[in-house]
Amino acid sequence: MKFKAEIDVMPLDALLDPQGKAVSSSMKNLGLESITNVRIGKHIRLEVEAPDEDEARKLVDQSCRKLLVNEIMEQYSFTISALQEA
């Protein structure tokens, strides 16, 4: 079966996010003072071939831990959904 994974990677809450801080400051300059504490991360979409959803979850988790995420500085979450065969 083929599955689609949607992965969100964000900086750890305890760490400074310079990009987010710059965007937060710019919001004030644009008259959007009510928008604060912006955090900037990344979104990754990928497809995985696996016999079932549990195996797909394991493969996506491994890819995050081994390559896509720096767990010292980032946290991640993901969703898995089955792709419809055409």
PDB file of N, CA and C in Angstrom:
ATOM      1  N   MET A   1       0.837  -1.187   0.000  1.00  0.00           N
ATOM      2  CA  MET A   1       0.000   0.000   0.000  1.00  0.00           C
ATOM      3  C   MET A   1       0.872   1.237   0.000  1.00  0.00           C
ATOM      4  N   LYS A   2       0.321   2.288  -0.552  1.00  0.00           N
ATOM      5  CA  LYS A   2       1.027   3.552  -0.561  1.00  0.00           C
ATOM      6  C   LYS A   2       0.343   4.518   0.400  1.00  0.00           C
ATOM      7  N   PHE A   3       1.154   5.232   1.176  1.00  0.00           N
ATOM      8  CA  PHE A   3       0.658   6.187   2.159  1.00  0.00           C
ATOM      9  C   PHE A   3       1.295   7.546   1.925  1.00  0.00           C
ATOM     10  N   LYS A   4       0.574   8.586   2.346  1.00  0.00           N
ATOM     11  CA  LYS A   4       1.101   9.946   2.306  1.00  0.00           C
ATOM     12  C   LYS A   4       1.335  10.378   3.744  1.00  0.00           C
ATOM     13  N   ALA A   5       2.503  10.965   3.993  1.00  0.00           N
ATOM     14  CA  ALA A   5       2.820  11.504   5.313  1.00  0.00           C
ATOM     15  C   ALA A   5       2.940  13.014   5.219  1.00  0.00           C
ATOM     16  N   GLU A   6       2.359  13.694   6.185  1.00  0.00           N
ATOM     17  CA  GLU A   6       2.478  15.141   6.320  1.00  0.00           C
ATOM     18  C   GLU A   6       3.205  15.379   7.641  1.00  0.00           C
ATOM     19  N   ILE A   7       4.429  15.948   7.554  1.00  0.00           N
ATOM     20  CA  ILE A   7       5.292  16.101   8.718  1.00  0.00           C
ATOM     21  C   ILE A   7       5.462  17.587   9.021  1.00  0.00           C
ATOM     22  N   ASP A   8       5.261  17.967  10.271  1.00  0.00           N
ATOM     23  CA  ASP A   8       5.511  19.336  10.715  1.00  0.00           C
ATOM     24  C   ASP A   8       6.691  19.327  11.672  1.00  0.00           C
ATOM     25  N   VAL A   9       7.661  20.185  11.389  1.00  0.00           N
ATOM     26  CA  VAL A   9       8.865  20.299  12.200  1.00  0.00           C
ATOM     27  C   VAL A   9       8.934  21.732  12.725  1.00  0.00           C
ATOM     28  N   MET A  10       9.074  21.856  14.046  1.00  0.00           N
ATOM     29  CA  MET A  10       9.123  23.177  14.674  1.00  0.00           C
ATOM     30  C   MET A  10      10.307  23.249  15.636  1.00  0.00           C
ATOM     31  N   PRO A  11      10.840  24.462  15.831  1.00  0.00           N
ATOM     32  CA  PRO A  11      11.895  24.603  16.836  1.00  0.00           C
ATOM     33  C   PRO A  11      11.326  24.281  18.224  1.00  0.00           C
ATOM     34  N   LEU A  12      12.152  23.727  19.088  1.00  0.00           N
ATOM     35  CA  LEU A  12      11.722  23.469  20.456  1.00  0.00           C
ATOM     36  C   LEU A  12      11.286  24.780  21.112  1.00  0.00           C
ATOM     37  N   ASP A  13      10.266  24.706  21.947  1.00  0.00           N
ATOM     38  CA  ASP A  13       9.727  25.905  22.589  1.00  0.00           C
ATOM     39  C   ASP A  13      10.779  26.637  23.418  1.00  0.00           C
ATOM     40  N   ALA A  14      11.703  25.908  24.015  1.00  0.00           N
ATOM     41  CA  ALA A  14      12.709  26.511  24.885  1.00  0.00           C
ATOM     42  C   ALA A  14      13.798  27.263  24.112  1.00  0.00           C
ATOM     43  N   LEU A  15      13.848  27.081  22.787  1.00  0.00           N
ATOM     44  CA  LEU A  15      14.901  27.702  21.992  1.00  0.00           C
ATOM     45  C   LEU A  15      14.415  28.970  21.302  1.00  0.00           C
ATOM     46  N   LEU A  16      15.334  29.909  21.138  1.00  0.00           N
ATOM     47  CA  LEU A  16      15.054  31.137  20.404  1.00  0.00           C
ATOM     48  C   LEU A  16      14.796  30.805  18.933  1.00  0.00           C
ATOM     49  N   ASP A  17      13.823  31.477  18.347  1.00  0.00           N
ATOM     50  CA  ASP A  17      13.511  31.317  16.926  1.00  0.00           C
ATOM     51  C   ASP A  17      13.727  32.677  16.257  1.00  0.00           C
ATOM     52  N   PRO A  18      14.949  32.947  15.758  1.00  0.00           N
ATOM     53  CA  PRO A  18      15.253  34.263  15.197  1.00  0.00           C
ATOM     54  C   PRO A  18      14.336  34.657  14.033  1.00  0.00           C
ATOM     55  N   GLN A  19      13.996  33.695  13.190  1.00  0.00           N
ATOM     56  CA  GLN A  19      13.099  33.969  12.068  1.00  0.00           C
ATOM     57  C   GLN A  19      11.718  34.381  12.574  1.00  0.00           C
ATOM     58  N   GLY A  20      11.214  33.637  13.532  1.00  0.00           N
ATOM     59  CA  GLY A  20       9.914  33.960  14.113  1.00  0.00           C
ATOM     60  C   GLY A  20       9.925  35.309  14.808  1.00  0.00           C
ATOM     61  N   LYS A  21      11.017  35.621  15.498  1.00  0.00           N
ATOM     62  CA  LYS A  21      11.147  36.905  16.192  1.00  0.00           C
ATOM     63  C   LYS A  21      11.137  38.053  15.181  1.00  0.00           C
ATOM     64  N   ALA A  22      11.824  37.886  14.059  1.00  0.00           N
ATOM     65  CA  ALA A  22      11.845  38.924  13.025  1.00  0.00           C
ATOM     66  C   ALA A  22      10.448  39.141  12.447  1.00  0.00           C
ATOM     67  N   VAL A  23       9.721  38.053  12.213  1.00  0.00           N
ATOM     68  CA  VAL A  23       8.358  38.167  11.681  1.00  0.00           C
ATOM     69  C   VAL A  23       7.445  38.834  12.709  1.00  0.00           C
ATOM     70  N   SER A  24       7.589  38.475  13.982  1.00  0.00           N
ATOM     71  CA  SER A  24       6.789  39.107  15.037  1.00  0.00           C
ATOM     72  C   SER A  24       7.012  40.615  15.058  1.00  0.00           C
ATOM     73  N   SER A  25       8.273  41.027  14.937  1.00  0.00           N
ATOM     74  CA  SER A  25       8.582  42.463  14.917  1.00  0.00           C
ATOM     75  C   SER A  25       7.969  43.141  13.704  1.00  0.00           C
ATOM     76  N   SER A  26       8.021  42.481  12.565  1.00  0.00           N
ATOM     77  CA  SER A  26       7.446  43.050  11.343  1.00  0.00           C
ATOM     78  C   SER A  26       5.932  43.194  11.439  1.00  0.00           C
ATOM     79  N   MET A  27       5.280  42.291  12.168  1.00  0.00           N
ATOM     80  CA  MET A  27       3.827  42.384  12.337  1.00  0.00           C
ATOM     81  C   MET A  27       3.460  43.713  12.971  1.00  0.00           C
ATOM     82  N   LYS A  28       4.237  44.149  13.983  1.00  0.00           N
ATOM     83  CA  LYS A  28       3.980  45.438  14.637  1.00  0.00           C
ATOM     84  C   LYS A  28       4.110  46.576  13.632  1.00  0.00           C
ATOM     85  N   ASN A  29       5.138  46.518  12.775  1.00  0.00           N
ATOM     86  CA  ASN A  29       5.357  47.571  11.771  1.00  0.00           C
ATOM     87  C   ASN A  29       4.228  47.629  10.753  1.00  0.00           C
ATOM     88  N   LEU A  30       3.533  46.521  10.545  1.00  0.00           N
ATOM     89  CA  LEU A  30       2.429  46.457   9.585  1.00  0.00           C
ATOM     90  C   LEU A  30       1.074  46.750  10.230  1.00  0.00           C
ATOM     91  N   GLY A  31       1.100  47.131  11.509  1.00  0.00           N
ATOM     92  CA  GLY A  31      -0.143  47.441  12.197  1.00  0.00           C
ATOM     93  C   GLY A  31      -0.881  46.204  12.689  1.00  0.00           C
ATOM     94  N   LEU A  32      -0.171  45.092  12.805  1.00  0.00           N
ATOM     95  CA  LEU A  32      -0.776  43.837  13.248  1.00  0.00           C
ATOM     96  C   LEU A  32      -0.252  43.472  14.642  1.00  0.00           C
ATOM     97  N   GLU A  33      -0.379  44.425  15.580  1.00  0.00           N
ATOM     98  CA  GLU A  33       0.179  44.252  16.924  1.00  0.00           C
ATOM     99  C   GLU A  33      -0.403  43.067  17.680  1.00  0.00           C
ATOM    100  N   SER A  34      -1.596  42.630  17.301  1.00  0.00           N
ATOM    101  CA  SER A  34      -2.222  41.525  18.033  1.00  0.00           C
ATOM    102  C   SER A  34      -1.619  40.167  17.674  1.00  0.00           C
ATOM    103  N   ILE A  35      -0.759  40.114  16.661  1.00  0.00           N
ATOM    104  CA  ILE A  35      -0.082  38.861  16.297  1.00  0.00           C
ATOM    105  C   ILE A  35       1.292  38.858  16.953  1.00  0.00           C
ATOM    106  N   THR A  36       1.520  37.880  17.828  1.00  0.00           N
ATOM    107  CA  THR A  36       2.781  37.807  18.578  1.00  0.00           C
ATOM    108  C   THR A  36       3.274  36.357  18.635  1.00  0.00           C
ATOM    109  N   ASN A  37       4.472  36.197  19.147  1.00  0.00           N
ATOM    110  CA  ASN A  37       5.067  34.872  19.379  1.00  0.00           C
ATOM    111  C   ASN A  37       5.025  33.973  18.144  1.00  0.00           C
ATOM    112  N   VAL A  38       5.414  34.512  17.006  1.00  0.00           N
ATOM    113  CA  VAL A  38       5.465  33.736  15.768  1.00  0.00           C
ATOM    114  C   VAL A  38       6.611  32.737  15.857  1.00  0.00           C
ATOM    115  N   ARG A  39       6.357  31.506  15.446  1.00  0.00           N
ATOM    116  CA  ARG A  39       7.390  30.475  15.365  1.00  0.00           C
ATOM    117  C   ARG A  39       7.382  29.958  13.928  1.00  0.00           C
ATOM    118  N   ILE A  40       8.538  29.842  13.330  1.00  0.00           N
ATOM    119  CA  ILE A  40       8.668  29.402  11.944  1.00  0.00           C
ATOM    120  C   ILE A  40       9.240  27.988  11.929  1.00  0.00           C
ATOM    121  N   GLY A  41       8.602  27.104  11.182  1.00  0.00           N
ATOM    122  CA  GLY A  41       9.075  25.733  11.063  1.00  0.00           C
ATOM    123  C   GLY A  41       9.069  25.301   9.607  1.00  0.00           C
ATOM    124  N   LYS A  42       8.959  23.997   9.396  1.00  0.00           N
ATOM    125  CA  LYS A  42       8.903  23.482   8.026  1.00  0.00           C
ATOM    126  C   LYS A  42       7.860  22.379   7.934  1.00  0.00           C
ATOM    127  N   HIS A  43       7.333  22.225   6.743  1.00  0.00           N
ATOM    128  CA  HIS A  43       6.332  21.202   6.472  1.00  0.00           C
ATOM    129  C   HIS A  43       6.886  20.295   5.377  1.00  0.00           C
ATOM    130  N   ILE A  44       6.838  19.000   5.598  1.00  0.00           N
ATOM    131  CA  ILE A  44       7.381  18.025   4.646  1.00  0.00           C
ATOM    132  C   ILE A  44       6.270  17.050   4.284  1.00  0.00           C
ATOM    133  N   ARG A  45       6.108  16.796   3.000  1.00  0.00           N
ATOM    134  CA  ARG A  45       5.135  15.816   2.524  1.00  0.00           C
ATOM    135  C   ARG A  45       5.911  14.741   1.779  1.00  0.00           C
ATOM    136  N   LEU A  46       5.608  13.487   2.065  1.00  0.00           N
ATOM    137  CA  LEU A  46       6.270  12.408   1.341  1.00  0.00           C
ATOM    138  C   LEU A  46       5.331  11.220   1.198  1.00  0.00           C
ATOM    139  N   GLU A  47       5.680  10.333   0.297  1.00  0.00           N
ATOM    140  CA  GLU A  47       4.922   9.102   0.096  1.00  0.00           C
ATOM    141  C   GLU A  47       5.797   7.928   0.517  1.00  0.00           C
ATOM    142  N   VAL A  48       5.141   6.912   1.076  1.00  0.00           N
ATOM    143  CA  VAL A  48       5.872   5.740   1.542  1.00  0.00           C
ATOM    144  C   VAL A  48       5.093   4.483   1.160  1.00  0.00           C
ATOM    145  N   GLU A  49       5.822   3.504   0.717  1.00  0.00           N
ATOM    146  CA  GLU A  49       5.246   2.194   0.378  1.00  0.00           C
ATOM    147  C   GLU A  49       5.448   1.295   1.590  1.00  0.00           C
ATOM    148  N   ALA A  50       4.348   0.735   2.112  1.00  0.00           N
ATOM    149  CA  ALA A  50       4.424  -0.139   3.283  1.00  0.00           C
ATOM    150  C   ALA A  50       3.241  -1.098   3.265  1.00  0.00           C
ATOM    151  N   PRO A  51       3.384  -2.256   3.932  1.00  0.00           N
ATOM    152  CA  PRO A  51       2.294  -3.232   3.932  1.00  0.00           C
ATOM    153  C   PRO A  51       1.054  -2.756   4.699  1.00  0.00           C
ATOM    154  N   ASP A  52       1.259  -1.885   5.709  1.00  0.00           N
ATOM    155  CA  ASP A  52       0.121  -1.388   6.487  1.00  0.00           C
ATOM    156  C   ASP A  52       0.481  -0.042   7.120  1.00  0.00           C
ATOM    157  N   GLU A  53      -0.497   0.585   7.761  1.00  0.00           N
ATOM    158  CA  GLU A  53      -0.289   1.925   8.326  1.00  0.00           C
ATOM    159  C   GLU A  53       0.727   1.920   9.465  1.00  0.00           C
ATOM    160  N   ASP A  54       0.726   0.887  10.284  1.00  0.00           N
ATOM    161  CA  ASP A  54       1.693   0.827  11.384  1.00  0.00           C
ATOM    162  C   ASP A  54       3.129   0.823  10.861  1.00  0.00           C
ATOM    163  N   GLU A  55       3.379   0.045   9.813  1.00  0.00           N
ATOM    164  CA  GLU A  55       4.725   0.010   9.227  1.00  0.00           C
ATOM    165  C   GLU A  55       5.064   1.349   8.585  1.00  0.00           C
ATOM    166  N   ALA A  56       4.093   1.981   7.941  1.00  0.00           N
ATOM    167  CA  ALA A  56       4.317   3.302   7.344  1.00  0.00           C
ATOM    168  C   ALA A  56       4.697   4.311   8.435  1.00  0.00           C
ATOM    169  N   ARG A  57       4.005   4.256   9.577  1.00  0.00           N
ATOM    170  CA  ARG A  57       4.322   5.144  10.700  1.00  0.00           C
ATOM    171  C   ARG A  57       5.755   4.929  11.182  1.00  0.00           C
ATOM    172  N   LYS A  58       6.158   3.673  11.290  1.00  0.00           N
ATOM    173  CA  LYS A  58       7.520   3.364  11.729  1.00  0.00           C
ATOM    174  C   LYS A  58       8.551   3.936  10.757  1.00  0.00           C
ATOM    175  N   LEU A  59       8.295   3.767   9.462  1.00  0.00           N
ATOM    176  CA  LEU A  59       9.239   4.262   8.448  1.00  0.00           C
ATOM    177  C   LEU A  59       9.333   5.788   8.466  1.00  0.00           C
ATOM    178  N   VAL A  60       8.196   6.454   8.599  1.00  0.00           N
ATOM    179  CA  VAL A  60       8.206   7.917   8.646  1.00  0.00           C
ATOM    180  C   VAL A  60       8.915   8.393   9.907  1.00  0.00           C
ATOM    181  N   ASP A  61       8.641   7.758  11.038  1.00  0.00           N
ATOM    182  CA  ASP A  61       9.303   8.128  12.280  1.00  0.00           C
ATOM    183  C   ASP A  61      10.817   7.957  12.163  1.00  0.00           C
ATOM    184  N   GLN A  62      11.259   6.853  11.563  1.00  0.00           N
ATOM    185  CA  GLN A  62      12.698   6.637  11.355  1.00  0.00           C
ATOM    186  C   GLN A  62      13.301   7.718  10.466  1.00  0.00           C
ATOM    187  N   SER A  63      12.578   8.090   9.405  1.00  0.00           N
ATOM    188  CA  SER A  63      13.114   9.121   8.501  1.00  0.00           C
ATOM    189  C   SER A  63      13.239  10.459   9.230  1.00  0.00           C
ATOM    190  N   CYS A  64      12.304  10.745  10.113  1.00  0.00           N
ATOM    191  CA  CYS A  64      12.391  11.980  10.897  1.00  0.00           C
ATOM    192  C   CYS A  64      13.599  11.941  11.830  1.00  0.00           C
ATOM    193  N   ARG A  65      13.726  10.849  12.578  1.00  0.00           N
ATOM    194  CA  ARG A  65      14.803  10.742  13.561  1.00  0.00           C
ATOM    195  C   ARG A  65      16.193  10.671  12.925  1.00  0.00           C
ATOM    196  N   LYS A  66      16.296  10.026  11.760  1.00  0.00           N
ATOM    197  CA  LYS A  66      17.607   9.829  11.140  1.00  0.00           C
ATOM    198  C   LYS A  66      18.038  10.950  10.200  1.00  0.00           C
ATOM    199  N   LEU A  67      17.077  11.687   9.626  1.00  0.00           N
ATOM    200  CA  LEU A  67      17.453  12.656   8.598  1.00  0.00           C
ATOM    201  C   LEU A  67      16.719  13.992   8.669  1.00  0.00           C
ATOM    202  N   LEU A  68      15.424  13.966   8.808  1.00  0.00           N
ATOM    203  CA  LEU A  68      14.626  15.179   8.602  1.00  0.00           C
ATOM    204  C   LEU A  68      14.594  16.140   9.785  1.00  0.00           C
ATOM    205  N   VAL A  69      14.849  15.642  10.982  1.00  0.00           N
ATOM    206  CA  VAL A  69      14.699  16.459  12.188  1.00  0.00           C
ATOM    207  C   VAL A  69      15.977  16.413  13.024  1.00  0.00           C
ATOM    208  N   ASN A  70      16.387  17.575  13.518  1.00  0.00           N
ATOM    209  CA  ASN A  70      17.472  17.656  14.491  1.00  0.00           C
ATOM    210  C   ASN A  70      16.811  17.691  15.869  1.00  0.00           C
ATOM    211  N   GLU A  71      16.730  16.547  16.526  1.00  0.00           N
ATOM    212  CA  GLU A  71      15.975  16.443  17.773  1.00  0.00           C
ATOM    213  C   GLU A  71      16.580  17.234  18.929  1.00  0.00           C
ATOM    214  N   ILE A  72      17.786  17.727  18.771  1.00  0.00           N
ATOM    215  CA  ILE A  72      18.384  18.588  19.790  1.00  0.00           C
ATOM    216  C   ILE A  72      17.707  19.958  19.766  1.00  0.00           C
ATOM    217  N   MET A  73      17.275  20.375  18.565  1.00  0.00           N
ATOM    218  CA  MET A  73      16.717  21.718  18.404  1.00  0.00           C
ATOM    219  C   MET A  73      15.273  21.740  17.919  1.00  0.00           C
ATOM    220  N   GLU A  74      14.751  20.610  17.453  1.00  0.00           N
ATOM    221  CA  GLU A  74      13.435  20.599  16.822  1.00  0.00           C
ATOM    222  C   GLU A  74      12.552  19.486  17.379  1.00  0.00           C
ATOM    223  N   GLN A  75      11.257  19.696  17.246  1.00  0.00           N
ATOM    224  CA  GLN A  75      10.269  18.671  17.561  1.00  0.00           C
ATOM    225  C   GLN A  75       9.440  18.432  16.305  1.00  0.00           C
ATOM    226  N   TYR A  76       8.791  17.283  16.230  1.00  0.00           N
ATOM    227  CA  TYR A  76       8.017  16.985  15.028  1.00  0.00           C
ATOM    228  C   TYR A  76       6.755  16.224  15.361  1.00  0.00           C
ATOM    229  N   SER A  77       5.817  16.306  14.441  1.00  0.00           N
ATOM    230  CA  SER A  77       4.598  15.503  14.496  1.00  0.00           C
ATOM    231  C   SER A  77       4.230  15.181  13.054  1.00  0.00           C
ATOM    232  N   PHE A  78       3.466  14.110  12.868  1.00  0.00           N
ATOM    233  CA  PHE A  78       3.074  13.764  11.508  1.00  0.00           C
ATOM    234  C   PHE A  78       1.748  13.034  11.491  1.00  0.00           C
ATOM    235  N   THR A  79       1.126  13.067  10.309  1.00  0.00           N
ATOM    236  CA  THR A  79      -0.090  12.298  10.055  1.00  0.00           C
ATOM    237  C   THR A  79       0.171  11.402   8.864  1.00  0.00           C
ATOM    238  N   ILE A  80      -0.525  10.284   8.832  1.00  0.00           N
ATOM    239  CA  ILE A  80      -0.404   9.319   7.748  1.00  0.00           C
ATOM    240  C   ILE A  80      -1.805   9.098   7.184  1.00  0.00           C
ATOM    241  N   SER A  81      -1.898   9.063   5.860  1.00  0.00           N
ATOM    242  CA  SER A  81      -3.175   8.706   5.230  1.00  0.00           C
ATOM    243  C   SER A  81      -2.894   7.821   4.022  1.00  0.00           C
ATOM    244  N   ALA A  82      -3.801   6.891   3.768  1.00  0.00           N
ATOM    245  CA  ALA A  82      -3.655   5.980   2.630  1.00  0.00           C
ATOM    246  C   ALA A  82      -3.909   6.751   1.336  1.00  0.00           C
ATOM    247  N   LEU A  83      -3.088   6.475   0.327  1.00  0.00           N
ATOM    248  CA  LEU A  83      -3.308   7.057  -0.994  1.00  0.00           C
ATOM    249  C   LEU A  83      -4.216   6.137  -1.793  1.00  0.00           C
ATOM    250  N   GLN A  84      -5.105   6.728  -2.525  1.00  0.00           N
ATOM    251  CA  GLN A  84      -6.014   5.949  -3.387  1.00  0.00           C
ATOM    252  C   GLN A  84      -5.239   5.496  -4.627  1.00  0.00           C
ATOM    253  N   GLU A  85      -5.335   4.246  -4.940  1.00  0.00           N
ATOM    254  CA  GLU A  85      -4.703   3.718  -6.147  1.00  0.00           C
ATOM    255  C   GLU A  85      -5.493   4.191  -7.372  1.00  0.00           C
ATOM    256  N   ALA A  86      -4.781   4.636  -8.385  1.00  0.00           N
ATOM    257  CA  ALA A  86      -5.455   5.142  -9.595  1.00  0.00           C
ATOM    258  C   ALA A  86      -5.695   4.053 -10.598  1.00  0.00           C
TER     259      ALA A  86
END
